C-alpha atoms as a PDB file:
ATOM      1  CA  MET A   1     145.018 133.647 139.432  1.00  0.00           C
ATOM      2  CA  LYS A   2     146.469 133.352 135.866  1.00  0.00           C
ATOM      3  CA  VAL A   3     147.464 137.679 137.474  1.00  0.00           C
ATOM      4  CA  PHE A   4     149.123 135.693 140.078  1.00  0.00           C
ATOM      5  CA  PHE A   5     150.879 133.667 138.036  1.00  0.00           C
ATOM      6  CA  TYR A   6     152.008 135.411 135.056  1.00  0.00           C
ATOM      7  CA  LEU A   7     153.222 138.016 138.002  1.00  0.00           C
ATOM      8  CA  SER A   8     155.346 135.635 140.283  1.00  0.00           C
ATOM      9  CA  PHE A   9     156.935 134.257 136.689  1.00  0.00           C
ATOM     10  CA  LEU A  10     158.094 137.700 136.283  1.00  0.00           C
ATOM     11  CA  ILE A  11     159.509 138.792 139.478  1.00  0.00           C
ATOM     12  CA  PHE A  12     161.853 134.889 138.908  1.00  0.00           C
ATOM     13  CA  VAL A  13     162.296 135.831 135.632  1.00  0.00           C
ATOM     14  CA  LYS A  14     163.887 139.296 136.863  1.00  0.00           C
ATOM     15  CA  ILE A  15     165.549 137.370 139.795  1.00  0.00           C
ATOM     16  CA  SER A  16     167.688 134.630 137.045  1.00  0.00           C
ATOM     17  CA  ILE A  17     168.649 136.870 134.455  1.00  0.00           C
ATOM     18  CA  TYR A  18     170.443 138.822 136.715  1.00  0.00           C
ATOM     19  CA  SER A  19     172.036 136.014 138.345  1.00  0.00           C
ATOM     20  CA  GLN A  20     173.486 135.975 135.211  1.00  0.00           C
ATOM     21  CA  PRO A  21     176.781 137.740 134.254  1.00  0.00           C
ATOM     22  CA  ASP A  22     176.080 140.659 131.222  1.00  0.00           C
ATOM     23  CA  LEU A  23     174.757 139.916 128.285  1.00  0.00           C
ATOM     24  CA  THR A  24     175.668 139.524 124.879  1.00  0.00           C
ATOM     25  CA  SER A  25     174.126 139.809 121.676  1.00  0.00           C
ATOM     26  CA  SER A  26     175.207 136.334 120.756  1.00  0.00           C
ATOM     27  CA  ARG A  27     173.441 135.467 124.288  1.00  0.00           C
ATOM     28  CA  THR A  28     170.746 136.854 124.206  1.00  0.00           C
ATOM     29  CA  LEU A  29     169.430 136.150 121.011  1.00  0.00           C
ATOM     30  CA  GLU A  30     169.699 131.756 122.418  1.00  0.00           C
ATOM     31  CA  LEU A  31     167.692 132.761 125.259  1.00  0.00           C
ATOM     32  CA  LEU A  32     164.270 134.965 123.404  1.00  0.00           C
ATOM     33  CA  LEU A  33     165.122 132.051 120.673  1.00  0.00           C
ATOM     34  CA  GLU A  34     165.072 129.598 123.743  1.00  0.00           C
ATOM     35  CA  ALA A  35     161.246 131.091 125.543  1.00  0.00           C
ATOM     36  CA  ASP A  36     160.025 130.679 121.434  1.00  0.00           C
ATOM     37  CA  GLY A  37     160.899 126.303 121.882  1.00  0.00           C
ATOM     38  CA  ILE A  38     163.718 127.276 119.715  1.00  0.00           C
ATOM     39  CA  THR A  39     167.021 125.070 121.237  1.00  0.00           C
ATOM     40  CA  LYS A  40     168.747 123.048 118.239  1.00  0.00           C
ATOM     41  CA  VAL A  41     171.936 124.888 117.767  1.00  0.00           C
ATOM     42  CA  ASP A  42     171.720 124.546 113.727  1.00  0.00           C
ATOM     43  CA  ASP A  43     168.426 125.954 113.698  1.00  0.00           C
ATOM     44  CA  ILE A  44     169.698 129.264 116.763  1.00  0.00           C
ATOM     45  CA  ASN A  45     172.689 129.487 114.063  1.00  0.00           C
ATOM     46  CA  SER A  46     170.312 130.050 111.880  1.00  0.00           C
ATOM     47  CA  TYR A  47     169.407 132.865 113.295  1.00  0.00           C
ATOM     48  CA  LYS A  48     172.330 134.345 114.080  1.00  0.00           C
ATOM     49  CA  LYS A  49     173.010 134.364 110.460  1.00  0.00           C
ATOM     50  CA  VAL A  50     170.348 136.434 109.676  1.00  0.00           C
ATOM     51  CA  TYR A  51     171.365 138.942 113.442  1.00  0.00           C
ATOM     52  CA  ASP A  52     174.497 138.574 111.276  1.00  0.00           C
ATOM     53  CA  LYS A  53     174.101 140.242 107.972  1.00  0.00           C
ATOM     54  CA  ILE A  54     172.054 143.405 110.180  1.00  0.00           C
ATOM     55  CA  LEU A  55     174.358 143.311 111.475  1.00  0.00           C
ATOM     56  CA  THR A  56     176.890 144.094 108.527  1.00  0.00           C
ATOM     57  CA  GLU A  57     174.653 146.384 106.464  1.00  0.00           C
ATOM     58  CA  CYS A  58     173.653 148.425 109.527  1.00  0.00           C
ATOM     59  CA  LYS A  59     177.580 148.594 109.823  1.00  0.00           C
ATOM     60  CA  SER A  60     178.961 149.306 106.433  1.00  0.00           C
ATOM     61  CA  GLU A  61     176.388 152.910 106.716  1.00  0.00           C
ATOM     62  CA  VAL A  62     177.626 154.095 109.986  1.00  0.00           C
ATOM     63  CA  SER A  63     180.321 156.119 109.558  1.00  0.00           C
ATOM     64  CA  LYS A  64     183.255 157.608 112.230  1.00  0.00           C
ATOM     65  CA  GLU A  65     182.604 160.432 111.319  1.00  0.00           C
ATOM     66  CA  GLN A  66     178.593 160.770 111.575  1.00  0.00           C
ATOM     67  CA  SER A  67     177.002 162.491 114.255  1.00  0.00           C
ATOM     68  CA  VAL A  68     175.336 160.018 117.146  1.00  0.00           C
ATOM     69  CA  PHE A  69     171.807 161.436 116.134  1.00  0.00           C
ATOM     70  CA  SER A  70     172.794 160.322 112.330  1.00  0.00           C
ATOM     71  CA  LYS A  71     173.979 157.053 113.724  1.00  0.00           C
ATOM     72  CA  HIS A  72     171.061 156.146 115.405  1.00  0.00           C
ATOM     73  CA  GLU A  73     168.630 157.392 112.182  1.00  0.00           C
ATOM     74  CA  VAL A  74     170.437 155.435 109.373  1.00  0.00           C
ATOM     75  CA  ILE A  75     169.763 151.995 112.205  1.00  0.00           C
ATOM     76  CA  PHE A  76     166.413 153.223 112.672  1.00  0.00           C
ATOM     77  CA  ASN A  77     165.997 153.512 108.875  1.00  0.00           C
ATOM     78  CA  ARG A  78     167.662 150.111 107.856  1.00  0.00           C
ATOM     79  CA  LEU A  79     165.639 148.432 110.365  1.00  0.00           C
ATOM     80  CA  HIS A  80     161.619 149.406 108.910  1.00  0.00           C
ATOM     81  CA  ASP A  81     163.249 149.372 105.768  1.00  0.00           C
ATOM     82  CA  ASP A  82     164.191 146.373 105.186  1.00  0.00           C
ATOM     83  CA  TYR A  83     163.314 143.838 109.086  1.00  0.00           C
ATOM     84  CA  LEU A  84     160.235 145.687 110.600  1.00  0.00           C
ATOM     85  CA  LYS A  85     157.926 145.290 108.138  1.00  0.00           C
ATOM     86  CA  LYS A  86     154.058 143.924 109.904  1.00  0.00           C
ATOM     87  CA  TYR A  87     153.308 145.259 113.990  1.00  0.00           C
ATOM     88  CA  GLN A  88     151.882 142.507 115.835  1.00  0.00           C
ATOM     89  CA  ASN A  89     151.071 143.245 119.058  1.00  0.00           C
ATOM     90  CA  GLU A  90     151.779 139.428 119.573  1.00  0.00           C
ATOM     91  CA  ALA A  91     155.221 139.115 118.627  1.00  0.00           C
ATOM     92  CA  TYR A  92     158.052 136.767 119.010  1.00  0.00           C
ATOM     93  CA  ILE A  93     161.393 137.050 118.453  1.00  0.00           C
ATOM     94  CA  ASN A  94     162.102 133.898 115.412  1.00  0.00           C
ATOM     95  CA  LYS A  95     158.975 135.949 113.818  1.00  0.00           C
ATOM     96  CA  LEU A  96     161.066 138.912 113.298  1.00  0.00           C
ATOM     97  CA  PHE A  97     164.262 137.651 112.616  1.00  0.00           C
ATOM     98  CA  LYS A  98     162.742 135.474 109.624  1.00  0.00           C
ATOM     99  CA  GLY A  99     158.903 137.140 108.910  1.00  0.00           C
ATOM    100  CA  LYS A 100     159.797 140.690 109.541  1.00  0.00           C
ATOM    101  CA  GLU A 101     156.859 140.971 112.598  1.00  0.00           C
ATOM    102  CA  PHE A 102     157.788 143.132 115.155  1.00  0.00           C
ATOM    103  CA  ASN A 103     156.177 145.363 117.997  1.00  0.00           C
ATOM    104  CA  CYS A 104     157.258 147.069 120.630  1.00  0.00           C
ATOM    105  CA  VAL A 105     159.249 144.759 122.927  1.00  0.00           C
ATOM    106  CA  THR A 106     161.533 142.501 119.536  1.00  0.00           C
ATOM    107  CA  ALA A 107     162.293 145.745 117.870  1.00  0.00           C
ATOM    108  CA  VAL A 108     163.647 147.357 121.256  1.00  0.00           C
ATOM    109  CA  VAL A 109     165.195 144.160 121.654  1.00  0.00           C
ATOM    110  CA  LEU A 110     166.749 143.935 118.052  1.00  0.00           C
ATOM    111  CA  TYR A 111     167.646 147.943 118.513  1.00  0.00           C
ATOM    112  CA  ASN A 112     169.742 147.259 121.717  1.00  0.00           C
ATOM    113  CA  MET A 113     171.468 144.335 120.008  1.00  0.00           C
ATOM    114  CA  ILE A 114     172.614 146.238 117.278  1.00  0.00           C
ATOM    115  CA  CYS A 115     173.782 149.748 119.433  1.00  0.00           C
ATOM    116  CA  THR A 116     175.662 147.208 122.153  1.00  0.00           C
ATOM    117  CA  ASP A 117     177.934 145.409 119.168  1.00  0.00           C
ATOM    118  CA  LEU A 118     178.205 148.895 117.526  1.00  0.00           C
ATOM    119  CA  GLY A 119     179.386 150.613 120.901  1.00  0.00           C
ATOM    120  CA  LEU A 120     175.721 152.899 120.640  1.00  0.00           C
ATOM    121  CA  GLU A 121     174.928 154.332 123.961  1.00  0.00           C
ATOM    122  CA  ILE A 122     171.186 153.685 124.622  1.00  0.00           C
ATOM    123  CA  ASN A 123     168.575 154.031 127.391  1.00  0.00           C
ATOM    124  CA  LEU A 124     165.409 151.962 127.695  1.00  0.00           C
ATOM    125  CA  TYR A 125     162.473 152.291 129.522  1.00  0.00           C
ATOM    126  CA  GLU A 126     159.350 150.991 130.153  1.00  0.00           C
ATOM    127  CA  SER A 127     156.432 152.423 130.857  1.00  0.00           C
ATOM    128  CA  PRO A 128     152.583 150.718 131.231  1.00  0.00           C
ATOM    129  CA  PHE A 129     152.701 147.833 127.865  1.00  0.00           C
ATOM    130  CA  HIS A 130     155.119 149.088 126.245  1.00  0.00           C
ATOM    131  CA  VAL A 131     158.765 149.946 126.181  1.00  0.00           C
ATOM    132  CA  PHE A 132     160.385 152.466 123.972  1.00  0.00           C
ATOM    133  CA  ILE A 133     164.112 153.964 123.470  1.00  0.00           C
ATOM    134  CA  THR A 134     166.081 157.308 124.177  1.00  0.00           C
ATOM    135  CA  ALA A 135     169.831 157.969 122.851  1.00  0.00           C
ATOM    136  CA  PRO A 136     171.937 160.480 124.573  1.00  0.00           C
ATOM    137  CA  THR A 137     174.268 163.151 122.139  1.00  0.00           C
ATOM    138  CA  PRO A 138     177.686 164.630 123.730  1.00  0.00           C
ATOM    139  CA  GLY A 139     175.577 167.362 123.862  1.00  0.00           C
ATOM    140  CA  ASN A 140     173.669 166.133 127.094  1.00  0.00           C
ATOM    141  CA  ARG A 141     170.260 166.287 124.633  1.00  0.00           C
ATOM    142  CA  ASP A 142     168.035 162.715 125.003  1.00  0.00           C
ATOM    143  CA  PHE A 143     165.969 162.124 121.309  1.00  0.00           C
ATOM    144  CA  LYS A 144     163.773 159.562 121.678  1.00  0.00           C
ATOM    145  CA  ILE A 145     163.479 156.254 119.137  1.00  0.00           C
ATOM    146  CA  GLU A 146     159.877 154.939 118.830  1.00  0.00           C
ATOM    147  CA  LEU A 147     160.646 152.285 116.571  1.00  0.00           C
ATOM    148  CA  THR A 148     156.240 150.689 115.998  1.00  0.00           C
ATOM    149  CA  ASP A 149     156.445 154.770 114.446  1.00  0.00           C
ATOM    150  CA  PRO A 150     158.400 153.812 111.312  1.00  0.00           C
ATOM    151  CA  VAL A 151     157.211 157.901 109.927  1.00  0.00           C
ATOM    152  CA  ASP A 152     157.838 160.211 113.057  1.00  0.00           C
ATOM    153  CA  GLY A 153     159.381 157.608 114.928  1.00  0.00           C
ATOM    154  CA  PHE A 154     162.457 158.855 114.697  1.00  0.00           C
ATOM    155  CA  ASN A 155     163.221 161.932 116.661  1.00  0.00           C
ATOM    156  CA  ALA A 156     160.105 161.545 118.245  1.00  0.00           C
ATOM    157  CA  SER A 157     158.235 164.295 120.005  1.00  0.00           C
ATOM    158  CA  LEU A 158     154.098 164.068 120.341  1.00  0.00           C
ATOM    159  CA  ASP A 159     151.805 166.417 121.443  1.00  0.00           C
ATOM    160  CA  ASN A 160     149.967 165.082 123.950  1.00  0.00           C
ATOM    161  CA  SER A 161     146.543 164.723 121.737  1.00  0.00           C
ATOM    162  CA  GLU A 162     148.893 162.889 119.221  1.00  0.00           C
ATOM    163  CA  TYR A 163     150.406 161.027 121.860  1.00  0.00           C
ATOM    164  CA  VAL A 164     147.169 159.330 122.785  1.00  0.00           C
ATOM    165  CA  GLU A 165     145.821 158.720 118.873  1.00  0.00           C
ATOM    166  CA  TYR A 166     149.631 156.651 119.419  1.00  0.00           C
ATOM    167  CA  LEU A 167     147.987 154.733 121.789  1.00  0.00           C
ATOM    168  CA  LEU A 168     145.223 154.039 121.139  1.00  0.00           C
ATOM    169  CA  ASP A 169     146.560 153.324 116.989  1.00  0.00           C
ATOM    170  CA  TYR A 170     148.723 150.418 118.983  1.00  0.00           C
ATOM    171  CA  LYS A 171     145.607 149.207 120.671  1.00  0.00           C
ATOM    172  CA  LEU A 172     148.439 150.187 124.295  1.00  0.00           C
ATOM    173  CA  ILE A 173     145.001 151.430 125.741  1.00  0.00           C
ATOM    174  CA  THR A 174     141.026 151.276 124.613  1.00  0.00           C
ATOM    175  CA  GLU A 175     139.082 153.790 124.195  1.00  0.00           C
ATOM    176  CA  GLU A 176     136.979 152.341 126.885  1.00  0.00           C
ATOM    177  CA  GLU A 177     139.798 153.594 129.425  1.00  0.00           C
ATOM    178  CA  LEU A 178     140.043 156.544 127.587  1.00  0.00           C
ATOM    179  CA  LYS A 179     136.640 157.582 127.718  1.00  0.00           C
ATOM    180  CA  GLU A 180     137.011 156.007 131.726  1.00  0.00           C
ATOM    181  CA  LYS A 181     139.643 158.298 132.828  1.00  0.00           C
ATOM    182  CA  GLY A 182     139.714 161.044 130.116  1.00  0.00           C
ATOM    183  CA  GLU A 183     143.156 162.237 128.769  1.00  0.00           C
ATOM    184  CA  VAL A 184     144.625 163.236 131.641  1.00  0.00           C
ATOM    185  CA  LYS A 185     144.399 160.729 133.926  1.00  0.00           C
ATOM    186  CA  ILE A 186     146.145 158.144 130.475  1.00  0.00           C
ATOM    187  CA  LEU A 187     148.924 161.087 130.034  1.00  0.00           C
ATOM    188  CA  ASN A 188     150.168 160.602 133.972  1.00  0.00           C
ATOM    189  CA  GLU A 189     149.563 157.831 134.317  1.00  0.00           C
ATOM    190  CA  PHE A 190     151.561 156.443 130.812  1.00  0.00           C
ATOM    191  CA  ILE A 191     153.967 159.229 132.622  1.00  0.00           C
ATOM    192  CA  SER A 192     154.194 158.332 135.856  1.00  0.00           C
ATOM    193  CA  GLU A 193     155.294 154.727 135.337  1.00  0.00           C
ATOM    194  CA  THR A 194     158.025 155.162 133.240  1.00  0.00           C
ATOM    195  CA  HIS A 195     161.349 154.437 134.091  1.00  0.00           C
ATOM    196  CA  GLN A 196     164.667 153.638 133.056  1.00  0.00           C
ATOM    197  CA  ILE A 197     165.130 149.408 132.406  1.00  0.00           C
ATOM    198  CA  SER A 198     168.316 147.859 131.290  1.00  0.00           C
ATOM    199  CA  SER A 199     168.053 144.705 128.909  1.00  0.00           C
ATOM    200  CA  ARG A 200     168.361 142.258 131.357  1.00  0.00           C
ATOM    201  CA  ASP A 201     164.846 142.929 132.451  1.00  0.00           C
ATOM    202  CA  LEU A 202     164.671 143.708 128.374  1.00  0.00           C
ATOM    203  CA  VAL A 203     165.100 140.278 128.231  1.00  0.00           C
ATOM    204  CA  ALA A 204     163.108 139.309 131.851  1.00  0.00           C
ATOM    205  CA  ILE A 205     159.690 140.678 130.023  1.00  0.00           C
ATOM    206  CA  TYR A 206     159.973 138.951 126.272  1.00  0.00           C
ATOM    207  CA  TYR A 207     159.663 135.787 128.265  1.00  0.00           C
ATOM    208  CA  ALA A 208     156.288 137.954 130.666  1.00  0.00           C
ATOM    209  CA  ASN A 209     155.279 138.755 127.148  1.00  0.00           C
ATOM    210  CA  ILE A 210     156.011 134.951 125.816  1.00  0.00           C
ATOM    211  CA  GLY A 211     154.881 133.235 129.799  1.00  0.00           C
ATOM    212  CA  PHE A 212     151.123 135.562 129.025  1.00  0.00           C
ATOM    213  CA  TYR A 213     150.981 134.719 125.578  1.00  0.00           C
ATOM    214  CA  ASN A 214     150.293 130.911 126.686  1.00  0.00           C
ATOM    215  CA  LEU A 215     148.690 132.032 129.903  1.00  0.00           C
ATOM    216  CA  LEU A 216     145.678 133.159 127.602  1.00  0.00           C
ATOM    217  CA  LYS A 217     146.116 130.325 125.563  1.00  0.00           C
ATOM    218  CA  ASP A 218     146.458 127.481 127.440  1.00  0.00           C
ATOM    219  CA  SER A 219     144.672 126.101 130.668  1.00  0.00           C
ATOM    220  CA  THR A 220     146.023 127.294 133.796  1.00  0.00           C
ATOM    221  CA  ALA A 221     147.583 124.444 134.368  1.00  0.00           C
ATOM    222  CA  LYS A 222     149.514 124.516 130.844  1.00  0.00           C
ATOM    223  CA  ALA A 223     150.793 127.884 131.641  1.00  0.00           C
ATOM    224  CA  TYR A 224     152.515 126.624 135.063  1.00  0.00           C
ATOM    225  CA  ASN A 225     154.166 124.103 133.322  1.00  0.00           C
ATOM    226  CA  TYR A 226     155.076 126.314 130.105  1.00  0.00           C
ATOM    227  CA  TYR A 227     156.831 127.825 133.224  1.00  0.00           C
ATOM    228  CA  LYS A 228     158.293 125.403 135.493  1.00  0.00           C
ATOM    229  CA  ASN A 229     160.479 124.696 131.977  1.00  0.00           C
ATOM    230  CA  LEU A 230     161.288 129.136 131.774  1.00  0.00           C
ATOM    231  CA  PHE A 231     162.514 128.385 135.159  1.00  0.00           C
ATOM    232  CA  HIS A 232     164.911 125.181 134.811  1.00  0.00           C
ATOM    233  CA  LEU A 233     166.741 127.436 131.123  1.00  0.00           C
ATOM    234  CA  LEU A 234     167.195 130.578 133.260  1.00  0.00           C
ATOM    235  CA  THR A 235     168.752 128.951 136.596  1.00  0.00           C
ATOM    236  CA  ILE A 236     170.811 126.005 135.175  1.00  0.00           C
ATOM    237  CA  GLN A 237     171.836 126.638 131.315  1.00  0.00           C
ATOM    238  CA  PRO A 238     174.992 128.384 131.852  1.00  0.00           C
ATOM    239  CA  GLU A 239     176.624 131.405 130.314  1.00  0.00           C
ATOM    240  CA  HIS A 240     178.245 130.763 126.786  1.00  0.00           C
ATOM    241  CA  ASN A 241     182.075 131.950 126.379  1.00  0.00           C
ATOM    242  CA  HIS A 242     181.925 133.323 122.253  1.00  0.00           C
END
């Protein structure tokens, strides 16, 4: 029953978000904060001020003369130096902005918002239980940006054993799964099921995560009511003009 509600919720949210116009970074933040239960205008504006501060700092350190690679390196380092401080499996966008807690989804959301506002092209990818970024360069060489790894995550390149260790460290797989399936099968699963997603998909994944957190914590009835509130929020709230 829980799995049925979760999958139905994810499909509905993706359809709802795809029915909206292109999402600005401002609208993206509003949607995610609303998922966290933050709906008062003054509260939302307080988070927007935090985001504006982050964006201003990144803008001040990125110049037109820099290569695409260097621009991304500046943003990656700025975020990890000051804003992505504590990894949490269960992470909320409001706690990223005011508590510096993050997971792969919330960190990628923030990075994507910044790149949108700076006009930097990135590609978003989803693999089982994980999202990450690649960035194209003029020479047609994409490099990987793994925001959950502050040390080696920029231009990340891991061999098979290192990648499996990464999956274990960040609890994307368990020791039991590794013993049962073996390294080769685990790698094949993550590689074969990795696919590119859009910014709208990213927002949908965040909503699905929040719904799932509540589904695990609450009764099915409470989780169902929570989903209904989110359906209402996504389907009747009009796009704002900024």
